[in-house]
Every structure is written in C-alpha cells, then in structure tokens.
Amino acid sequence: EQERRETLQTHSHYFRHELKKLGFHIGESTTHIVPI
C-alpha cells in the first residue's frame, strides 16, 4: 500500500512548509516528525 507512504510524505512537506511560513522554528526537520 504505497499510497499510505505517499500521503504521509505529502502531508509532511505541506505541514513543515506552512509552519515555517508562519514563523515557527522547526529545526532541521525533513520528515513526518516536526517539532516547534
């Protein structure tokens, strides 16, 4: 079920991008684990 991985990657990229755009410090995250 490759689509599960693809969906997770899409969500992760979007979430990181939006948090950074808002001005939050998310460190060096490039994955589905995203700290503020």
PDB file of all heavy atoms in Angstrom:
ATOM      1  N   GLU A   1       0.833  -1.198   0.000  1.00  0.00           N
ATOM      2  CA  GLU A   1       0.000   0.000   0.000  1.00  0.00           C
ATOM      3  C   GLU A   1       0.869   1.250   0.000  1.00  0.00           C
ATOM      4  O   GLU A   1       0.952   1.992   0.982  1.00  0.00           O
ATOM      5  CB  GLU A   1      -0.980  -0.050   1.175  1.00  0.00           C
ATOM      6  CG  GLU A   1      -1.921  -1.243   1.051  1.00  0.00           C
ATOM      7  CD  GLU A   1      -3.052  -1.255   2.049  1.00  0.00           C
ATOM      8  OE1 GLU A   1      -3.140  -0.331   2.894  1.00  0.00           O
ATOM      9  OE2 GLU A   1      -3.861  -2.203   1.995  1.00  0.00           O
ATOM     10  N   GLN A   2       1.523   1.462  -1.130  1.00  0.00           N
ATOM     11  CA  GLN A   2       2.441   2.587  -1.315  1.00  0.00           C
ATOM     12  C   GLN A   2       1.747   3.930  -1.098  1.00  0.00           C
ATOM     13  O   GLN A   2       2.366   4.907  -0.673  1.00  0.00           O
ATOM     14  CB  GLN A   2       3.047   2.522  -2.720  1.00  0.00           C
ATOM     15  CG  GLN A   2       3.925   3.693  -3.122  1.00  0.00           C
ATOM     16  CD  GLN A   2       5.237   3.744  -2.364  1.00  0.00           C
ATOM     17  OE1 GLN A   2       5.639   2.775  -1.747  1.00  0.00           O
ATOM     18  NE2 GLN A   2       5.891   4.900  -2.395  1.00  0.00           N
ATOM     19  N   GLU A   3       0.452   3.996  -1.374  1.00  0.00           N
ATOM     20  CA  GLU A   3      -0.265   5.271  -1.254  1.00  0.00           C
ATOM     21  C   GLU A   3      -0.236   5.810   0.170  1.00  0.00           C
ATOM     22  O   GLU A   3      -0.293   7.026   0.377  1.00  0.00           O
ATOM     23  CB  GLU A   3      -1.710   5.122  -1.746  1.00  0.00           C
ATOM     24  CG  GLU A   3      -2.599   4.216  -0.926  1.00  0.00           C
ATOM     25  CD  GLU A   3      -2.493   2.746  -1.303  1.00  0.00           C
ATOM     26  OE1 GLU A   3      -1.598   2.396  -2.099  1.00  0.00           O
ATOM     27  OE2 GLU A   3      -3.322   1.949  -0.810  1.00  0.00           O
ATOM     28  N   ARG A   4      -0.138   4.946   1.155  1.00  0.00           N
ATOM     29  CA  ARG A   4      -0.038   5.430   2.541  1.00  0.00           C
ATOM     30  C   ARG A   4       1.245   6.228   2.729  1.00  0.00           C
ATOM     31  O   ARG A   4       1.247   7.291   3.358  1.00  0.00           O
ATOM     32  CB  ARG A   4      -0.070   4.250   3.522  1.00  0.00           C
ATOM     33  CG  ARG A   4      -1.410   3.533   3.613  1.00  0.00           C
ATOM     34  CD  ARG A   4      -1.329   2.355   4.573  1.00  0.00           C
ATOM     35  NE  ARG A   4      -2.572   1.605   4.602  1.00  0.00           N
ATOM     36  CZ  ARG A   4      -3.562   1.806   5.474  1.00  0.00           C
ATOM     37  NH1 ARG A   4      -3.436   2.738   6.401  1.00  0.00           N
ATOM     38  NH2 ARG A   4      -4.655   1.079   5.433  1.00  0.00           N
ATOM     39  N   ARG A   5       2.360   5.706   2.202  1.00  0.00           N
ATOM     40  CA  ARG A   5       3.631   6.425   2.311  1.00  0.00           C
ATOM     41  C   ARG A   5       3.593   7.734   1.533  1.00  0.00           C
ATOM     42  O   ARG A   5       4.106   8.757   1.998  1.00  0.00           O
ATOM     43  CB  ARG A   5       4.779   5.542   1.804  1.00  0.00           C
ATOM     44  CG  ARG A   5       5.136   4.417   2.737  1.00  0.00           C
ATOM     45  CD  ARG A   5       6.390   3.683   2.296  1.00  0.00           C
ATOM     46  NE  ARG A   5       6.150   2.795   1.169  1.00  0.00           N
ATOM     47  CZ  ARG A   5       5.621   1.581   1.275  1.00  0.00           C
ATOM     48  NH1 ARG A   5       5.251   1.127   2.451  1.00  0.00           N
ATOM     49  NH2 ARG A   5       5.467   0.824   0.200  1.00  0.00           N
ATOM     50  N   GLU A   6       3.008   7.691   0.354  1.00  0.00           N
ATOM     51  CA  GLU A   6       2.938   8.900  -0.468  1.00  0.00           C
ATOM     52  C   GLU A   6       2.103   9.984   0.213  1.00  0.00           C
ATOM     53  O   GLU A   6       2.473  11.165   0.207  1.00  0.00           O
ATOM     54  CB  GLU A   6       2.351   8.549  -1.836  1.00  0.00           C
ATOM     55  CG  GLU A   6       3.273   7.675  -2.677  1.00  0.00           C
ATOM     56  CD  GLU A   6       2.597   7.155  -3.935  1.00  0.00           C
ATOM     57  OE1 GLU A   6       1.370   7.387  -4.099  1.00  0.00           O
ATOM     58  OE2 GLU A   6       3.296   6.519  -4.762  1.00  0.00           O
ATOM     59  N   THR A   7       0.987   9.586   0.795  1.00  0.00           N
ATOM     60  CA  THR A   7       0.145  10.558   1.511  1.00  0.00           C
ATOM     61  C   THR A   7       0.884  11.155   2.698  1.00  0.00           C
ATOM     62  O   THR A   7       0.825  12.374   2.934  1.00  0.00           O
ATOM     63  CB  THR A   7      -1.158   9.877   1.995  1.00  0.00           C
ATOM     64  OG1 THR A   7      -1.884   9.403   0.858  1.00  0.00           O
ATOM     65  CG2 THR A   7      -2.025  10.848   2.769  1.00  0.00           C
ATOM     66  N   LEU A   8       1.599  10.313   3.442  1.00  0.00           N
ATOM     67  CA  LEU A   8       2.358  10.805   4.597  1.00  0.00           C
ATOM     68  C   LEU A   8       3.412  11.808   4.158  1.00  0.00           C
ATOM     69  O   LEU A   8       3.578  12.862   4.797  1.00  0.00           O
ATOM     70  CB  LEU A   8       3.006   9.636   5.329  1.00  0.00           C
ATOM     71  CG  LEU A   8       3.861  10.013   6.545  1.00  0.00           C
ATOM     72  CD1 LEU A   8       3.018  10.690   7.622  1.00  0.00           C
ATOM     73  CD2 LEU A   8       4.575   8.784   7.117  1.00  0.00           C
ATOM     74  N   GLN A   9       4.124  11.520   3.084  1.00  0.00           N
ATOM     75  CA  GLN A   9       5.153  12.441   2.601  1.00  0.00           C
ATOM     76  C   GLN A   9       4.539  13.772   2.155  1.00  0.00           C
ATOM     77  O   GLN A   9       5.087  14.854   2.430  1.00  0.00           O
ATOM     78  CB  GLN A   9       5.939  11.807   1.447  1.00  0.00           C
ATOM     79  CG  GLN A   9       6.679  10.533   1.805  1.00  0.00           C
ATOM     80  CD  GLN A   9       7.823  10.728   2.784  1.00  0.00           C
ATOM     81  OE1 GLN A   9       8.137  11.842   3.180  1.00  0.00           O
ATOM     82  NE2 GLN A   9       8.442   9.637   3.184  1.00  0.00           N
ATOM     83  N   THR A  10       3.399  13.702   1.478  1.00  0.00           N
ATOM     84  CA  THR A  10       2.709  14.932   1.048  1.00  0.00           C
ATOM     85  C   THR A  10       2.282  15.762   2.251  1.00  0.00           C
ATOM     86  O   THR A  10       2.501  16.985   2.302  1.00  0.00           O
ATOM     87  CB  THR A  10       1.476  14.577   0.188  1.00  0.00           C
ATOM     88  OG1 THR A  10       1.915  13.862  -0.970  1.00  0.00           O
ATOM     89  CG2 THR A  10       0.742  15.830  -0.254  1.00  0.00           C
ATOM     90  N   HIS A  11       1.663  15.116   3.228  1.00  0.00           N
ATOM     91  CA  HIS A  11       1.247  15.820   4.443  1.00  0.00           C
ATOM     92  C   HIS A  11       2.440  16.458   5.148  1.00  0.00           C
ATOM     93  O   HIS A  11       2.367  17.607   5.615  1.00  0.00           O
ATOM     94  CB  HIS A  11       0.573  14.844   5.407  1.00  0.00           C
ATOM     95  CG  HIS A  11      -0.817  14.436   5.021  1.00  0.00           C
ATOM     96  ND1 HIS A  11      -1.534  15.064   4.020  1.00  0.00           N
ATOM     97  CD2 HIS A  11      -1.636  13.459   5.530  1.00  0.00           C
ATOM     98  CE1 HIS A  11      -2.719  14.498   3.917  1.00  0.00           C
ATOM     99  NE2 HIS A  11      -2.805  13.526   4.811  1.00  0.00           N
ATOM    100  N   SER A  12       3.529  15.701   5.253  1.00  0.00           N
ATOM    101  CA  SER A  12       4.704  16.170   5.996  1.00  0.00           C
ATOM    102  C   SER A  12       5.312  17.403   5.350  1.00  0.00           C
ATOM    103  O   SER A  12       5.635  18.392   6.026  1.00  0.00           O
ATOM    104  CB  SER A  12       5.744  15.050   6.086  1.00  0.00           C
ATOM    105  OG  SER A  12       5.209  13.904   6.693  1.00  0.00           O
ATOM    106  N   HIS A  13       5.470  17.360   4.042  1.00  0.00           N
ATOM    107  CA  HIS A  13       6.036  18.507   3.320  1.00  0.00           C
ATOM    108  C   HIS A  13       5.156  19.735   3.487  1.00  0.00           C
ATOM    109  O   HIS A  13       5.638  20.845   3.769  1.00  0.00           O
ATOM    110  CB  HIS A  13       6.197  18.158   1.839  1.00  0.00           C
ATOM    111  CG  HIS A  13       6.772  19.278   1.028  1.00  0.00           C
ATOM    112  ND1 HIS A  13       5.996  20.243   0.415  1.00  0.00           N
ATOM    113  CD2 HIS A  13       8.064  19.598   0.741  1.00  0.00           C
ATOM    114  CE1 HIS A  13       6.774  21.108  -0.205  1.00  0.00           C
ATOM    115  NE2 HIS A  13       8.026  20.732  -0.030  1.00  0.00           N
ATOM    116  N   TYR A  14       3.874  19.561   3.349  1.00  0.00           N
ATOM    117  CA  TYR A  14       2.930  20.680   3.468  1.00  0.00           C
ATOM    118  C   TYR A  14       2.960  21.269   4.874  1.00  0.00           C
ATOM    119  O   TYR A  14       3.020  22.501   5.051  1.00  0.00           O
ATOM    120  CB  TYR A  14       1.531  20.187   3.122  1.00  0.00           C
ATOM    121  CG  TYR A  14       0.441  21.227   3.280  1.00  0.00           C
ATOM    122  CD1 TYR A  14       0.361  22.310   2.412  1.00  0.00           C
ATOM    123  CD2 TYR A  14      -0.508  21.117   4.305  1.00  0.00           C
ATOM    124  CE1 TYR A  14      -0.646  23.273   2.554  1.00  0.00           C
ATOM    125  CE2 TYR A  14      -1.500  22.066   4.453  1.00  0.00           C
ATOM    126  CZ  TYR A  14      -1.565  23.138   3.580  1.00  0.00           C
ATOM    127  OH  TYR A  14      -2.556  24.081   3.733  1.00  0.00           O
ATOM    128  N   PHE A  15       2.925  20.419   5.882  1.00  0.00           N
ATOM    129  CA  PHE A  15       2.876  20.874   7.279  1.00  0.00           C
ATOM    130  C   PHE A  15       4.146  21.639   7.645  1.00  0.00           C
ATOM    131  O   PHE A  15       4.079  22.716   8.248  1.00  0.00           O
ATOM    132  CB  PHE A  15       2.690  19.655   8.183  1.00  0.00           C
ATOM    133  CG  PHE A  15       2.296  19.984   9.589  1.00  0.00           C
ATOM    134  CD1 PHE A  15       1.022  20.459   9.885  1.00  0.00           C
ATOM    135  CD2 PHE A  15       3.190  19.794  10.634  1.00  0.00           C
ATOM    136  CE1 PHE A  15       0.651  20.743  11.199  1.00  0.00           C
ATOM    137  CE2 PHE A  15       2.823  20.074  11.933  1.00  0.00           C
ATOM    138  CZ  PHE A  15       1.557  20.548  12.220  1.00  0.00           C
ATOM    139  N   ARG A  16       5.299  21.101   7.263  1.00  0.00           N
ATOM    140  CA  ARG A  16       6.564  21.792   7.548  1.00  0.00           C
ATOM    141  C   ARG A  16       6.602  23.150   6.858  1.00  0.00           C
ATOM    142  O   ARG A  16       6.991  24.168   7.464  1.00  0.00           O
ATOM    143  CB  ARG A  16       7.761  20.947   7.083  1.00  0.00           C
ATOM    144  CG  ARG A  16       7.983  19.663   7.845  1.00  0.00           C
ATOM    145  CD  ARG A  16       9.358  19.056   7.526  1.00  0.00           C
ATOM    146  NE  ARG A  16       9.608  18.939   6.097  1.00  0.00           N
ATOM    147  CZ  ARG A  16       9.323  17.880   5.364  1.00  0.00           C
ATOM    148  NH1 ARG A  16       8.751  16.827   5.918  1.00  0.00           N
ATOM    149  NH2 ARG A  16       9.607  17.848   4.072  1.00  0.00           N
ATOM    150  N   HIS A  17       6.214  23.170   5.594  1.00  0.00           N
ATOM    151  CA  HIS A  17       6.243  24.404   4.811  1.00  0.00           C
ATOM    152  C   HIS A  17       5.356  25.466   5.434  1.00  0.00           C
ATOM    153  O   HIS A  17       5.749  26.647   5.576  1.00  0.00           O
ATOM    154  CB  HIS A  17       5.797  24.117   3.379  1.00  0.00           C
ATOM    155  CG  HIS A  17       5.742  25.332   2.509  1.00  0.00           C
ATOM    156  ND1 HIS A  17       4.589  26.085   2.330  1.00  0.00           N
ATOM    157  CD2 HIS A  17       6.707  25.945   1.766  1.00  0.00           C
ATOM    158  CE1 HIS A  17       4.850  27.097   1.531  1.00  0.00           C
ATOM    159  NE2 HIS A  17       6.118  27.031   1.164  1.00  0.00           N
ATOM    160  N   GLU A  18       4.150  25.085   5.841  1.00  0.00           N
ATOM    161  CA  GLU A  18       3.210  26.052   6.400  1.00  0.00           C
ATOM    162  C   GLU A  18       3.670  26.564   7.763  1.00  0.00           C
ATOM    163  O   GLU A  18       3.514  27.762   8.065  1.00  0.00           O
ATOM    164  CB  GLU A  18       1.816  25.427   6.509  1.00  0.00           C
ATOM    165  CG  GLU A  18       1.171  25.126   5.157  1.00  0.00           C
ATOM    166  CD  GLU A  18       1.021  26.378   4.305  1.00  0.00           C
ATOM    167  OE1 GLU A  18       0.481  27.383   4.814  1.00  0.00           O
ATOM    168  OE2 GLU A  18       1.449  26.355   3.130  1.00  0.00           O
ATOM    169  N   LEU A  19       4.229  25.711   8.601  1.00  0.00           N
ATOM    170  CA  LEU A  19       4.721  26.151   9.913  1.00  0.00           C
ATOM    171  C   LEU A  19       5.874  27.143   9.745  1.00  0.00           C
ATOM    172  O   LEU A  19       5.943  28.158  10.447  1.00  0.00           O
ATOM    173  CB  LEU A  19       5.170  24.959  10.755  1.00  0.00           C
ATOM    174  CG  LEU A  19       4.069  24.078  11.350  1.00  0.00           C
ATOM    175  CD1 LEU A  19       4.693  22.944  12.163  1.00  0.00           C
ATOM    176  CD2 LEU A  19       3.116  24.884  12.235  1.00  0.00           C
ATOM    177  N   LYS A  20       6.781  26.848   8.830  1.00  0.00           N
ATOM    178  CA  LYS A  20       7.894  27.778   8.594  1.00  0.00           C
ATOM    179  C   LYS A  20       7.385  29.105   8.050  1.00  0.00           C
ATOM    180  O   LYS A  20       7.871  30.181   8.437  1.00  0.00           O
ATOM    181  CB  LYS A  20       8.912  27.154   7.632  1.00  0.00           C
ATOM    182  CG  LYS A  20       9.763  26.081   8.260  1.00  0.00           C
ATOM    183  CD  LYS A  20      11.013  25.758   7.464  1.00  0.00           C
ATOM    184  CE  LYS A  20      10.693  24.960   6.232  1.00  0.00           C
ATOM    185  NZ  LYS A  20      11.926  24.474   5.544  1.00  0.00           N
ATOM    186  N   LYS A  21       6.405  29.048   7.171  1.00  0.00           N
ATOM    187  CA  LYS A  21       5.835  30.268   6.605  1.00  0.00           C
ATOM    188  C   LYS A  21       5.191  31.126   7.694  1.00  0.00           C
ATOM    189  O   LYS A  21       5.239  32.366   7.649  1.00  0.00           O
ATOM    190  CB  LYS A  21       4.812  29.908   5.532  1.00  0.00           C
ATOM    191  CG  LYS A  21       4.359  31.086   4.681  1.00  0.00           C
ATOM    192  CD  LYS A  21       3.659  30.607   3.409  1.00  0.00           C
ATOM    193  CE  LYS A  21       2.295  30.053   3.706  1.00  0.00           C
ATOM    194  NZ  LYS A  21       1.519  29.765   2.461  1.00  0.00           N
ATOM    195  N   LEU A  22       4.620  30.470   8.701  1.00  0.00           N
ATOM    196  CA  LEU A  22       4.009  31.198   9.814  1.00  0.00           C
ATOM    197  C   LEU A  22       5.047  31.822  10.743  1.00  0.00           C
ATOM    198  O   LEU A  22       4.724  32.723  11.524  1.00  0.00           O
ATOM    199  CB  LEU A  22       3.112  30.258  10.620  1.00  0.00           C
ATOM    200  CG  LEU A  22       1.779  29.877   9.977  1.00  0.00           C
ATOM    201  CD1 LEU A  22       1.158  28.684  10.705  1.00  0.00           C
ATOM    202  CD2 LEU A  22       0.814  31.065   9.995  1.00  0.00           C
ATOM    203  N   GLY A  23       6.288  31.337  10.672  1.00  0.00           N
ATOM    204  CA  GLY A  23       7.344  31.901  11.503  1.00  0.00           C
ATOM    205  C   GLY A  23       7.791  31.012  12.643  1.00  0.00           C
ATOM    206  O   GLY A  23       8.594  31.433  13.480  1.00  0.00           O
ATOM    207  N   PHE A  24       7.315  29.770  12.708  1.00  0.00           N
ATOM    208  CA  PHE A  24       7.735  28.853  13.766  1.00  0.00           C
ATOM    209  C   PHE A  24       9.121  28.286  13.477  1.00  0.00           C
ATOM    210  O   PHE A  24       9.513  28.113  12.315  1.00  0.00           O
ATOM    211  CB  PHE A  24       6.740  27.701  13.910  1.00  0.00           C
ATOM    212  CG  PHE A  24       5.439  28.078  14.547  1.00  0.00           C
ATOM    213  CD1 PHE A  24       4.282  28.162  13.783  1.00  0.00           C
ATOM    214  CD2 PHE A  24       5.367  28.346  15.906  1.00  0.00           C
ATOM    215  CE1 PHE A  24       3.073  28.502  14.363  1.00  0.00           C
ATOM    216  CE2 PHE A  24       4.156  28.689  16.498  1.00  0.00           C
ATOM    217  CZ  PHE A  24       3.004  28.773  15.727  1.00  0.00           C
ATOM    218  N   HIS A  25       9.852  27.978  14.545  1.00  0.00           N
ATOM    219  CA  HIS A  25      11.176  27.375  14.443  1.00  0.00           C
ATOM    220  C   HIS A  25      11.009  25.857  14.484  1.00  0.00           C
ATOM    221  O   HIS A  25      10.664  25.302  15.527  1.00  0.00           O
ATOM    222  CB  HIS A  25      12.056  27.866  15.596  1.00  0.00           C
ATOM    223  CG  HIS A  25      13.404  27.221  15.684  1.00  0.00           C
ATOM    224  ND1 HIS A  25      14.059  26.702  14.583  1.00  0.00           N
ATOM    225  CD2 HIS A  25      14.222  27.007  16.762  1.00  0.00           C
ATOM    226  CE1 HIS A  25      15.222  26.208  14.975  1.00  0.00           C
ATOM    227  NE2 HIS A  25      15.335  26.371  16.274  1.00  0.00           N
ATOM    228  N   ILE A  26      11.235  25.174  13.368  1.00  0.00           N
ATOM    229  CA  ILE A  26      11.053  23.723  13.325  1.00  0.00           C
ATOM    230  C   ILE A  26      12.384  22.980  13.190  1.00  0.00           C
ATOM    231  O   ILE A  26      12.399  21.783  12.893  1.00  0.00           O
ATOM    232  CB  ILE A  26      10.088  23.305  12.196  1.00  0.00           C
ATOM    233  CG1 ILE A  26      10.704  23.565  10.823  1.00  0.00           C
ATOM    234  CG2 ILE A  26       8.747  24.015  12.337  1.00  0.00           C
ATOM    235  CD1 ILE A  26       9.969  22.861   9.694  1.00  0.00           C
ATOM    236  N   GLY A  27      13.480  23.644  13.457  1.00  0.00           N
ATOM    237  CA  GLY A  27      14.777  22.999  13.404  1.00  0.00           C
ATOM    238  C   GLY A  27      15.123  22.532  12.006  1.00  0.00           C
ATOM    239  O   GLY A  27      14.820  23.194  11.017  1.00  0.00           O
ATOM    240  N   GLU A  28      15.728  21.328  11.917  1.00  0.00           N
ATOM    241  CA  GLU A  28      16.179  20.788  10.630  1.00  0.00           C
ATOM    242  C   GLU A  28      15.288  19.659  10.144  1.00  0.00           C
ATOM    243  O   GLU A  28      15.717  18.826   9.336  1.00  0.00           O
ATOM    244  CB  GLU A  28      17.623  20.287  10.765  1.00  0.00           C
ATOM    245  CG  GLU A  28      18.625  21.345  11.194  1.00  0.00           C
ATOM    246  CD  GLU A  28      18.702  22.504  10.224  1.00  0.00           C
ATOM    247  OE1 GLU A  28      18.676  22.259   9.001  1.00  0.00           O
ATOM    248  OE2 GLU A  28      18.769  23.654  10.685  1.00  0.00           O
ATOM    249  N   SER A  29      14.069  19.605  10.611  1.00  0.00           N
ATOM    250  CA  SER A  29      13.179  18.503  10.239  1.00  0.00           C
ATOM    251  C   SER A  29      12.971  18.425   8.731  1.00  0.00           C
ATOM    252  O   SER A  29      12.722  19.426   8.071  1.00  0.00           O
ATOM    253  CB  SER A  29      11.818  18.666  10.920  1.00  0.00           C
ATOM    254  OG  SER A  29      10.897  17.715  10.426  1.00  0.00           O
ATOM    255  N   THR A  30      13.056  17.194   8.211  1.00  0.00           N
ATOM    256  CA  THR A  30      12.750  16.943   6.799  1.00  0.00           C
ATOM    257  C   THR A  30      11.794  15.755   6.669  1.00  0.00           C
ATOM    258  O   THR A  30      11.645  15.188   5.580  1.00  0.00           O
ATOM    259  CB  THR A  30      14.033  16.633   5.995  1.00  0.00           C
ATOM    260  OG1 THR A  30      14.687  15.504   6.586  1.00  0.00           O
ATOM    261  CG2 THR A  30      14.974  17.823   5.981  1.00  0.00           C
ATOM    262  N   THR A  31      11.156  15.369   7.771  1.00  0.00           N
ATOM    263  CA  THR A  31      10.357  14.141   7.785  1.00  0.00           C
ATOM    264  C   THR A  31       8.975  14.403   8.390  1.00  0.00           C
ATOM    265  O   THR A  31       8.558  15.549   8.562  1.00  0.00           O
ATOM    266  CB  THR A  31      11.066  13.051   8.606  1.00  0.00           C
ATOM    267  OG1 THR A  31      11.106  13.454   9.989  1.00  0.00           O
ATOM    268  CG2 THR A  31      12.487  12.812   8.103  1.00  0.00           C
ATOM    269  N   HIS A  32       8.300  13.327   8.745  1.00  0.00           N
ATOM    270  CA  HIS A  32       6.974  13.369   9.338  1.00  0.00           C
ATOM    271  C   HIS A  32       6.993  13.729  10.817  1.00  0.00           C
ATOM    272  O   HIS A  32       5.941  13.889  11.419  1.00  0.00           O
ATOM    273  CB  HIS A  32       6.297  12.004   9.156  1.00  0.00           C
ATOM    274  CG  HIS A  32       7.198  10.862   9.542  1.00  0.00           C
ATOM    275  ND1 HIS A  32       8.189  10.405   8.698  1.00  0.00           N
ATOM    276  CD2 HIS A  32       7.290  10.123  10.656  1.00  0.00           C
ATOM    277  CE1 HIS A  32       8.846   9.418   9.290  1.00  0.00           C
ATOM    278  NE2 HIS A  32       8.322   9.234  10.485  1.00  0.00           N
ATOM    279  N   ILE A  33       8.168  13.824  11.410  1.00  0.00           N
ATOM    280  CA  ILE A  33       8.329  14.318  12.784  1.00  0.00           C
ATOM    281  C   ILE A  33       8.704  15.792  12.690  1.00  0.00           C
ATOM    282  O   ILE A  33       9.757  16.132  12.136  1.00  0.00           O
ATOM    283  CB  ILE A  33       9.409  13.535  13.545  1.00  0.00           C
ATOM    284  CG1 ILE A  33       8.990  12.065  13.692  1.00  0.00           C
ATOM    285  CG2 ILE A  33       9.674  14.152  14.912  1.00  0.00           C
ATOM    286  CD1 ILE A  33      10.072  11.164  14.245  1.00  0.00           C
ATOM    287  N   VAL A  34       7.835  16.657  13.220  1.00  0.00           N
ATOM    288  CA  VAL A  34       8.015  18.103  13.035  1.00  0.00           C
ATOM    289  C   VAL A  34       7.928  18.797  14.395  1.00  0.00           C
ATOM    290  O   VAL A  34       6.844  18.918  14.966  1.00  0.00           O
ATOM    291  CB  VAL A  34       6.953  18.685  12.085  1.00  0.00           C
ATOM    292  CG1 VAL A  34       7.270  20.143  11.771  1.00  0.00           C
ATOM    293  CG2 VAL A  34       6.851  17.874  10.797  1.00  0.00           C
ATOM    294  N   PRO A  35       9.053  19.254  14.937  1.00  0.00           N
ATOM    295  CA  PRO A  35       8.989  19.969  16.207  1.00  0.00           C
ATOM    296  C   PRO A  35       8.742  21.462  16.006  1.00  0.00           C
ATOM    297  O   PRO A  35       9.131  22.035  14.986  1.00  0.00           O
ATOM    298  CB  PRO A  35      10.390  19.748  16.792  1.00  0.00           C
ATOM    299  CG  PRO A  35      11.273  19.679  15.579  1.00  0.00           C
ATOM    300  CD  PRO A  35      10.437  19.050  14.480  1.00  0.00           C
ATOM    301  N   ILE A  36       8.072  22.061  16.969  1.00  0.00           N
ATOM    302  CA  ILE A  36       8.114  23.520  17.123  1.00  0.00           C
ATOM    303  C   ILE A  36       8.954  23.767  18.367  1.00  0.00           C
ATOM    304  O   ILE A  36       8.548  23.405  19.484  1.00  0.00           O
ATOM    305  CB  ILE A  36       6.720  24.143  17.278  1.00  0.00           C
ATOM    306  CG1 ILE A  36       5.953  24.103  15.962  1.00  0.00           C
ATOM    307  CG2 ILE A  36       6.831  25.591  17.767  1.00  0.00           C
ATOM    308  CD1 ILE A  36       4.564  24.713  16.039  1.00  0.00           C
TER     309      ILE A  36
END
